[in-house]
Protein backbone atom coordinates (compact mmCIF):
# COMPACT_ATOMS: atom_id res chain seq x y z
CA MET A 1 3.46 -17.25 -36.80
CA ASN A 2 5.98 -16.99 -39.66
CA LYS A 3 9.76 -17.21 -39.37
CA THR A 4 10.20 -13.42 -39.22
CA ASP A 5 7.70 -13.12 -36.37
CA VAL A 6 9.42 -15.93 -34.48
CA ASN A 7 12.79 -14.20 -34.81
CA GLU A 8 11.33 -10.87 -33.68
CA ASP A 9 9.69 -12.59 -30.72
CA ARG A 10 12.97 -14.19 -29.73
CA GLN A 11 14.82 -10.90 -30.03
CA PHE A 12 12.27 -9.14 -27.85
CA SER A 13 12.36 -11.94 -25.26
CA LEU A 14 16.16 -11.73 -25.17
CA ALA A 15 16.03 -7.94 -24.79
CA MET A 16 13.57 -8.27 -21.89
CA LEU A 17 15.71 -10.95 -20.27
CA LEU A 18 18.80 -8.75 -20.46
CA MET A 19 16.93 -5.73 -19.12
CA THR A 20 15.51 -7.77 -16.26
CA ALA A 21 18.95 -9.13 -15.40
CA VAL A 22 20.44 -5.62 -15.36
CA LEU A 23 17.62 -4.31 -13.14
CA VAL A 24 17.80 -7.26 -10.76
CA ILE A 25 21.57 -7.00 -10.39
CA GLY A 26 21.49 -3.21 -10.12
CA THR A 27 18.55 -2.93 -7.74
CA GLY A 28 18.54 -6.27 -5.92
CA HIS A 29 18.35 -5.85 -2.16
CA PHE A 30 18.01 -9.52 -1.30
CA LYS A 31 17.41 -9.05 2.38
CA VAL A 32 14.22 -9.90 4.27
CA GLU A 33 13.87 -7.62 7.26
CA GLY A 34 11.36 -6.03 9.62
CA MET A 35 7.72 -6.86 9.10
CA ASN A 36 8.51 -8.65 5.82
CA ALA A 37 10.25 -11.35 7.89
CA ASP A 38 7.84 -11.07 10.83
CA VAL A 39 4.92 -12.45 8.77
CA PHE A 40 6.70 -15.81 8.66
CA ALA A 41 6.60 -15.96 12.47
CA ILE A 42 2.84 -15.33 12.78
CA ASN A 43 0.79 -18.53 12.65
CA TYR A 44 -2.73 -19.81 13.24
CA ARG A 45 -1.99 -22.06 16.21
CA ASN A 46 -4.16 -19.94 18.52
CA GLY A 47 -6.59 -18.87 15.81
CA VAL A 48 -6.76 -16.87 12.58
CA LEU A 49 -4.79 -13.63 13.03
CA PRO A 50 -4.14 -10.75 10.60
CA ARG A 51 -1.10 -11.17 8.33
CA GLY A 52 -0.89 -14.81 9.40
CA PHE A 53 -1.58 -16.71 6.15
CA ILE A 54 2.04 -16.80 4.94
CA GLY A 55 3.29 -17.78 8.40
CA TRP A 56 0.64 -20.49 8.55
CA LEU A 57 1.88 -22.00 5.26
CA TYR A 58 5.46 -21.69 6.50
CA ASP A 59 4.48 -23.40 9.76
CA ILE A 60 2.98 -26.30 7.78
CA LEU A 61 6.16 -26.54 5.69
CA CYS A 62 8.38 -26.64 8.76
CA SER A 63 6.14 -29.20 10.45
CA ALA A 64 6.37 -31.43 7.38
CA PHE A 65 10.13 -31.23 6.91
CA GLY A 66 11.32 -30.52 10.42
CA ASN A 67 12.52 -27.44 12.25
CA ARG A 68 15.74 -27.44 10.23
CA LEU A 69 13.85 -25.25 7.75
CA TYR A 70 12.90 -22.77 10.47
CA ASN A 71 15.67 -20.21 9.89
CA TYR A 72 16.43 -16.99 8.06
CA LEU A 73 18.13 -18.74 5.13
CA THR A 74 14.94 -20.63 4.31
CA VAL A 75 12.92 -17.40 4.52
CA LEU A 76 15.38 -15.71 2.16
CA ILE A 77 15.25 -18.62 -0.31
CA LEU A 78 11.43 -18.71 -0.24
CA CYS A 79 11.20 -14.95 -0.86
CA THR A 80 13.72 -15.18 -3.70
CA ILE A 81 11.88 -18.06 -5.36
CA SER A 82 8.58 -16.21 -4.93
CA TYR A 83 10.02 -13.11 -6.56
CA PHE A 84 11.18 -14.98 -9.67
CA ILE A 85 7.83 -16.77 -9.92
CA TYR A 86 6.25 -13.32 -9.77
CA LEU A 87 8.43 -12.19 -12.69
CA ALA A 88 7.55 -15.33 -14.67
CA ILE A 89 3.81 -14.76 -14.19
CA LEU A 90 4.09 -11.11 -15.24
CA TRP A 91 6.05 -12.17 -18.31
CA LYS A 92 3.30 -14.68 -19.19
CA TYR A 93 0.67 -11.92 -19.17
CA SER A 94 2.96 -9.62 -21.15
CA LYS A 95 3.23 -12.28 -23.86
CA LYS A 96 -0.55 -12.67 -23.89
CA MET A 97 -0.89 -8.93 -24.40
CA ILE A 98 1.59 -8.94 -27.30
CA ARG A 99 -0.25 -11.83 -28.98
CA ALA A 100 -3.61 -10.06 -28.51
CA LEU A 101 -2.12 -7.07 -30.36
CA GLU A 102 -0.62 -9.30 -33.07
CA GLY A 103 2.98 -8.66 -32.10
CA SER A 104 2.56 -4.89 -32.22
CA ASP A 105 5.77 -2.91 -31.68
CA TYR A 106 3.70 -0.48 -29.62
CA ALA A 107 2.82 -3.27 -27.19
CA LYS A 108 6.48 -4.22 -26.88
CA ALA A 109 7.52 -0.60 -26.32
CA PHE A 110 4.80 -0.22 -23.67
CA ILE A 111 5.98 -3.34 -21.82
CA ILE A 112 9.60 -2.18 -21.92
CA THR A 113 8.50 1.19 -20.48
CA VAL A 114 6.34 -0.06 -17.59
CA SER A 115 7.98 -3.38 -16.65
CA PRO A 116 10.84 -1.74 -14.67
CA MET A 117 8.22 -0.51 -12.20
CA PHE A 118 7.14 -4.08 -11.44
CA ILE A 119 10.66 -5.53 -11.58
CA LYS A 120 12.31 -2.98 -9.29
CA MET A 121 9.49 -2.47 -6.77
CA PHE A 122 10.04 -5.67 -4.79
CA LEU A 123 13.82 -5.55 -5.04
CA SER A 124 14.27 -2.22 -3.27
CA GLU A 125 15.31 -1.83 0.35
CA GLY A 126 12.44 -2.59 2.69
CA ASN A 127 10.28 -4.06 -0.09
CA PHE A 128 11.96 -7.40 -0.79
CA GLY A 129 9.58 -10.07 0.46
CA ARG A 130 6.74 -7.57 0.93
CA THR A 131 3.27 -9.10 0.81
CA ASP A 132 2.07 -6.57 -1.80
CA MET A 133 3.70 -8.76 -4.44
CA PHE A 134 1.32 -11.62 -3.61
CA LEU A 135 -1.68 -9.29 -3.39
CA LEU A 136 -0.97 -7.97 -6.89
CA LEU A 137 -0.63 -11.47 -8.35
CA LEU A 138 -3.86 -12.64 -6.72
CA SER A 139 -5.75 -9.67 -8.16
CA ILE A 140 -4.31 -10.30 -11.62
CA GLY A 141 -5.33 -13.96 -11.43
CA ALA A 142 -8.84 -13.11 -10.23
CA GLY A 143 -9.22 -10.37 -12.84
CA TYR A 144 -8.08 -12.69 -15.62
CA ALA A 145 -10.63 -15.34 -14.56
CA ILE A 146 -13.39 -12.72 -14.67
CA MET A 147 -12.39 -11.27 -18.04
CA LYS A 148 -12.09 -14.74 -19.61
CA GLN A 149 -15.23 -15.96 -17.77
CA HIS A 150 -13.52 -19.20 -16.75
CA GLY A 151 -12.92 -20.40 -13.21
CA LEU A 152 -14.92 -17.59 -11.61
CA VAL A 153 -14.55 -19.30 -8.26
CA LEU A 154 -10.96 -17.97 -8.31
CA ALA A 155 -12.39 -14.44 -8.23
CA VAL A 156 -13.79 -15.38 -4.81
CA VAL A 157 -10.97 -17.51 -3.43
CA PHE A 158 -8.04 -15.29 -4.44
CA PRO A 159 -9.35 -12.07 -2.81
CA VAL A 160 -10.15 -13.93 0.43
CA ILE A 161 -6.60 -15.33 0.53
CA ALA A 162 -5.30 -11.82 -0.18
CA VAL A 163 -7.21 -10.39 2.80
CA LEU A 164 -5.79 -13.11 5.03
CA ILE A 165 -2.31 -12.18 3.80
CA HIS A 166 -2.88 -8.44 4.34
CA GLU A 167 -6.19 -6.82 5.24
CA GLY A 168 -5.15 -3.62 3.43
CA TYR A 169 -5.85 -5.49 0.19
CA VAL A 170 -9.44 -4.25 0.22
CA LEU A 171 -8.22 -0.71 -0.53
CA THR A 172 -5.08 -1.35 -2.58
CA PHE A 173 -5.63 -4.12 -5.16
CA TYR A 174 -9.20 -5.40 -4.77
CA ASN A 175 -10.34 -2.53 -7.01
CA VAL A 176 -9.03 -4.49 -10.03
CA VAL A 177 -11.34 -7.40 -9.22
CA ILE A 178 -14.38 -5.17 -8.68
CA ALA A 179 -13.67 -3.23 -11.89
CA CYS A 180 -13.51 -6.46 -13.92
CA PHE A 181 -16.76 -7.70 -12.40
CA ILE A 182 -18.52 -4.40 -13.09
CA TYR A 183 -17.34 -4.48 -16.71
CA ARG A 184 -18.64 -8.01 -17.22
CA ILE A 185 -21.96 -7.26 -15.52
CA VAL A 186 -22.57 -4.15 -17.62
CA THR A 187 -21.51 -5.72 -20.94
CA SER A 188 -23.26 -9.09 -20.55
CA GLU A 189 -26.92 -10.06 -20.63
CA GLY A 190 -29.28 -12.70 -19.32
CA ARG A 191 -27.76 -15.71 -17.58
CA LYS A 192 -24.17 -14.46 -17.92
CA ARG A 193 -25.03 -11.20 -16.19
CA THR A 194 -26.80 -13.09 -13.38
CA ILE A 195 -23.78 -15.36 -12.90
CA ASN A 196 -21.40 -12.40 -12.66
CA ILE A 197 -23.69 -10.57 -10.22
CA PHE A 198 -23.84 -13.72 -8.10
CA TRP A 199 -20.05 -14.19 -7.99
CA LEU A 200 -19.46 -10.50 -7.30
CA GLY A 201 -21.93 -10.69 -4.40
CA VAL A 202 -20.24 -13.81 -2.99
CA SER A 203 -16.81 -12.20 -3.36
CA LEU A 204 -17.89 -8.99 -1.62
CA ILE A 205 -19.52 -10.87 1.25
CA LEU A 206 -16.60 -13.23 1.88
CA VAL A 207 -14.03 -10.44 1.57
CA ALA A 208 -16.07 -8.30 4.00
CA VAL A 209 -16.38 -11.17 6.51
CA SER A 210 -12.65 -11.96 6.23
CA PHE A 211 -11.75 -8.31 6.65
CA LEU A 212 -13.98 -7.85 9.69
CA TRP A 213 -12.49 -10.92 11.30
CA VAL A 214 -8.80 -10.11 10.83
CA TYR A 215 -9.24 -6.38 11.44
CA LEU A 216 -11.61 -6.43 14.40
CA LEU A 217 -13.19 -9.66 15.65
CA CYS A 218 -10.01 -11.71 16.06
CA ARG A 219 -8.90 -9.24 18.74
CA VAL A 220 -11.89 -10.39 20.79
CA TYR A 221 -12.08 -14.11 20.07
CA VAL A 222 -8.43 -15.17 19.64
CA PRO A 223 -6.67 -15.42 23.02
CA ILE A 224 -3.17 -13.94 23.12
CA SER A 225 -1.20 -15.00 26.17
CA GLN A 226 2.14 -13.57 27.19
CA GLU A 227 3.72 -16.92 26.37
CA TYR A 228 2.23 -16.86 22.86
CA TYR A 229 3.40 -13.27 22.30
CA ASP A 230 6.91 -14.14 23.47
CA SER A 231 7.06 -17.12 21.12
CA ILE A 232 5.98 -14.97 18.15
CA TYR A 233 8.39 -12.17 19.05
CA TYR A 234 11.42 -14.43 19.48
CA SER A 235 10.52 -16.31 16.30
CA ALA A 236 10.35 -13.02 14.41
CA GLU A 237 13.78 -12.06 15.78
CA PHE A 238 15.15 -15.45 14.76
CA LEU A 239 13.75 -15.27 11.21
CA SER A 240 14.91 -11.70 10.52
CA ALA A 241 18.12 -10.86 8.66
CA PRO A 242 21.22 -11.11 10.91
CA ASP A 243 21.61 -7.33 11.28
CA SER A 244 17.91 -6.51 11.67
CA HIS A 245 15.25 -7.07 14.32
CA ALA A 246 11.58 -7.87 14.67
CA HIS A 247 9.26 -4.91 14.15
CA TYR A 248 7.85 -4.36 17.64
CA GLY A 249 5.07 -1.99 16.55
CA PHE A 250 3.96 -4.34 13.78
CA LEU A 251 3.71 -7.30 16.15
CA MET A 252 1.80 -5.22 18.72
CA TYR A 253 -0.67 -4.25 16.00
CA VAL A 254 -1.11 -7.82 14.74
CA LEU A 255 -1.47 -9.46 18.14
CA PHE A 256 -3.16 -6.74 20.21
CA GLY A 257 -4.53 -4.25 17.68
CA MET A 258 -2.35 -1.37 18.90
CA ASP A 259 -3.04 1.79 16.90
CA LEU A 260 0.16 2.96 15.17
CA TYR A 261 -1.32 6.20 13.80
CA GLN A 262 0.40 8.47 16.33
CA TYR A 263 3.80 6.92 15.53
CA GLU A 264 3.49 7.74 11.83
CA ASP A 265 3.14 11.53 12.10
CA THR A 266 6.67 12.25 10.86
CA PHE A 267 6.16 10.20 7.72
CA ARG A 268 2.81 11.88 7.02
CA ILE A 269 4.40 15.32 7.34
CA ILE A 270 7.12 14.37 4.86
CA GLY A 271 4.55 12.73 2.60
CA SER A 272 2.40 15.88 2.55
CA ALA A 273 5.31 17.56 0.75
CA GLU A 274 6.60 14.57 -1.21
CA LEU A 275 3.30 13.48 -2.77
CA PRO A 276 2.43 16.85 -4.40
CA LEU A 277 5.99 17.04 -5.70
CA PHE A 278 5.71 13.57 -7.22
CA PHE A 279 2.39 14.31 -8.92
CA ILE A 280 3.81 17.54 -10.36
CA LEU A 281 6.92 15.79 -11.68
CA SER A 282 4.89 12.86 -13.03
CA ALA A 283 2.41 15.14 -14.82
CA PRO A 284 3.37 13.82 -18.31
CA PHE A 285 2.08 10.37 -17.34
CA THR A 286 -1.08 11.76 -15.76
CA ILE A 287 -1.76 13.75 -18.95
CA LYS A 288 -1.39 10.61 -21.08
CA LEU A 289 -3.69 8.67 -18.74
CA VAL A 290 -6.36 11.38 -18.95
CA SER A 291 -5.93 11.49 -22.73
CA PHE A 292 -6.37 7.71 -22.92
CA PHE A 293 -9.62 7.72 -20.92
CA ARG A 294 -10.90 10.76 -22.83
CA SER A 295 -10.38 8.91 -26.12
CA LEU A 296 -11.93 5.79 -24.63
CA TYR A 297 -14.90 7.87 -23.49
CA ARG A 298 -15.43 9.17 -27.03
CA GLU A 299 -15.14 5.75 -28.64
CA SER A 300 -17.14 3.74 -26.10
CA SER A 301 -20.87 3.16 -26.37
CA ASN A 302 -21.11 2.94 -22.57
CA LYS A 303 -19.64 6.22 -21.34
CA LYS A 304 -20.75 5.77 -17.72
CA LEU A 305 -18.77 2.54 -17.52
CA VAL A 306 -15.62 4.30 -18.74
CA VAL A 307 -16.03 7.00 -16.09
CA LEU A 308 -16.62 4.39 -13.39
CA LEU A 309 -13.55 2.37 -14.34
CA SER A 310 -11.38 5.48 -14.55
CA LEU A 311 -12.29 6.31 -10.94
CA GLY A 312 -11.59 2.83 -9.56
CA SER A 313 -8.28 3.91 -8.05
CA LEU A 314 -10.13 6.18 -5.60
CA THR A 315 -10.28 3.21 -3.23
CA LEU A 316 -6.69 4.19 -2.39
CA LEU A 317 -7.73 7.61 -1.11
CA PRO A 318 -8.15 6.50 2.56
CA ASP A 319 -4.63 5.06 2.46
CA PHE A 320 -3.17 8.29 1.08
CA ILE A 321 -4.94 10.28 3.79
CA LEU A 322 -4.61 8.05 6.86
CA LYS A 323 -1.53 5.91 6.29
CA CYS A 324 2.07 6.74 5.44
CA ASP A 325 3.39 4.14 2.98
CA TYR A 326 3.21 6.55 0.05
CA GLY A 327 5.54 4.61 -2.26
CA ARG A 328 3.34 1.55 -1.92
CA TRP A 329 0.16 3.52 -2.59
CA VAL A 330 1.64 5.12 -5.72
CA PHE A 331 2.69 1.68 -6.94
CA ALA A 332 -0.85 0.38 -6.34
CA LEU A 333 -2.26 3.44 -8.15
CA TYR A 334 -0.18 2.86 -11.28
CA SER A 335 -0.73 -0.91 -11.07
CA TYR A 336 -4.52 -0.49 -11.17
CA TYR A 337 -4.49 1.24 -14.56
CA ILE A 338 -1.72 -0.87 -16.10
CA VAL A 339 -3.20 -4.20 -14.98
CA LEU A 340 -6.70 -3.20 -16.07
CA LEU A 341 -5.38 -2.15 -19.49
CA VAL A 342 -3.51 -5.43 -19.96
CA LEU A 343 -6.52 -7.52 -18.91
CA PHE A 344 -8.86 -5.65 -21.28
CA ILE A 345 -6.46 -6.12 -24.19
CA ILE A 346 -5.97 -9.82 -23.40
CA SER A 347 -9.76 -10.24 -23.40
CA ASN A 348 -9.79 -8.69 -26.92
CA ASN A 349 -11.80 -5.58 -26.13
CA THR A 350 -11.72 -3.97 -29.58
CA VAL A 351 -12.36 -0.41 -28.36
CA VAL A 352 -9.56 -0.52 -25.79
CA LYS A 353 -7.18 -2.05 -28.34
CA LYS A 354 -7.99 0.66 -30.87
CA VAL A 355 -7.52 3.52 -28.40
CA PHE A 356 -4.35 1.91 -27.06
CA ARG A 357 -2.83 1.78 -30.54
CA GLU A 358 -3.83 5.38 -31.27
CA GLN A 359 -2.42 6.73 -28.01
CA LEU A 360 0.83 4.83 -28.26
CA SER A 361 1.30 5.86 -31.88
CA ILE A 362 1.45 9.42 -30.53
CA VAL A 363 3.84 8.56 -27.71
CA TYR A 364 6.16 6.48 -29.87
CA LYS A 365 5.81 8.36 -33.16
CA SER A 366 9.50 9.11 -32.80
CA SER A 367 12.06 6.91 -31.07
CA TRP A 368 13.37 9.92 -29.13
CA ARG A 369 9.96 10.69 -27.69
CA GLY A 370 9.42 7.09 -26.64
CA LEU A 371 12.89 6.99 -25.10
CA PHE A 372 12.12 10.18 -23.15
CA TYR A 373 9.00 8.65 -21.57
CA ALA A 374 10.83 5.42 -20.70
CA MET A 375 13.88 7.14 -19.20
CA TYR A 376 11.83 9.80 -17.40
CA PHE A 377 9.68 7.11 -15.81
CA MET A 378 12.82 5.28 -14.69
CA LEU A 379 13.87 8.36 -12.67
CA PHE A 380 11.11 7.62 -10.14
CA LEU A 381 11.89 3.92 -9.78
CA PRO A 382 11.86 1.98 -7.64
CA PHE A 383 8.95 3.24 -5.61
CA GLN A 384 9.81 2.92 -1.95
CA CYS A 385 7.72 2.29 1.16
CA THR A 386 7.11 5.44 3.19
CA HIS A 387 8.93 7.67 0.70
CA VAL A 388 7.56 7.75 -2.83
CA SER A 389 10.92 7.44 -4.56
CA ASP A 390 14.58 8.33 -4.19
CA ILE A 391 14.29 11.45 -6.32
CA THR A 392 11.34 12.95 -4.44
CA GLU A 393 12.96 12.10 -1.11
CA ASP A 394 16.23 13.76 -2.15
CA VAL A 395 14.48 16.91 -3.38
CA ILE A 396 12.39 17.29 -0.24
CA PHE A 397 15.35 16.87 2.09
CA LEU A 398 17.47 19.21 -0.02
CA VAL A 399 14.79 21.90 0.26
CA LYS A 400 14.53 21.27 4.01
CA ASP A 401 18.29 21.59 4.45
CA ILE A 402 18.46 24.80 2.43
CA PHE A 403 15.45 26.64 3.81
CA LEU A 404 14.60 24.95 7.12
CA GLY A 405 17.87 23.41 8.24
CA ARG A 406 18.47 25.99 10.94
CA TYR A 407 14.98 25.46 12.40
CA ILE A 408 14.75 21.64 12.32
């Protein structure tokens, strides 16, 4: 790397640092509340329970250093440290992508455009400390191991840990791991293909067993006494932010498997209006995504693989239909394609790199056009939890007030 490249790299790093600081200060909702704090209260003392992995680690930490760490301040500090580690890891992969594209300005522009989605997501109200952040990182780590074909055991261990953190991982972020395995199986031969098939099989089996345990079997085999429930509930209250409380419904689901579907009807009704609105407003990004895969389809020698990878996000369909955290599902949807693209570029897939350059040369052929995409994307950020974003929520409630206010 010559002196000019070093200076450009430093300038870009400084620009990203400043942008991150502005977004953190402007968005930062450093408050751990509700179920995000409750997971620290759930432990494995009676047996392996859903959402209990983080609480189990926290329980070990408190046992090692004494109960003086068992308080909300420690939870807040741990979540804050975790968030900045998350940013550091994402920055590491961004730098790998830039190097793989030889310092391309297009790569830098792309990172500047999409990084606010990842920065702001886990700073917004209700999402700070959310387990999705860990699930995303574990999928990125597993996917990277698969694409680089080093440490494939991580592609087994990381997804299992993710399921223990949150069983919904199998539908939200595990698709990245499966997509990477499928790519390596299809594009390799002989012993390498056999190895990848083996590790994919092991990963699927262990993830399935872990999922069945935390979602179903633990309700039968892990005894939950009233005393144990009370201890978890009061711990969750104690570890929540001072002006918030434990999430009763969440704890009832974790400990007794109570079905929360009937309590989510209101959010699903709102989501049935908010989701179509979001996909209409975000059509420019959908069009570019379709254009990218269409170009990739034309350039690729394995067209079936391209189609298969493009449909990998369909694992989220059950969540969109049955659950109500629409902001989280949209984030997972966008993350699938962005993470997959970054991993393919880092692994030096020449076809993906070529199509990426061609597509971004169209988007950023003028600075004004590139600025439009970046600023327009920012309008939808951060993605929320049950609501998709602030703008879609505001539009839906404005329409309700104007046309339905007298009836509702």
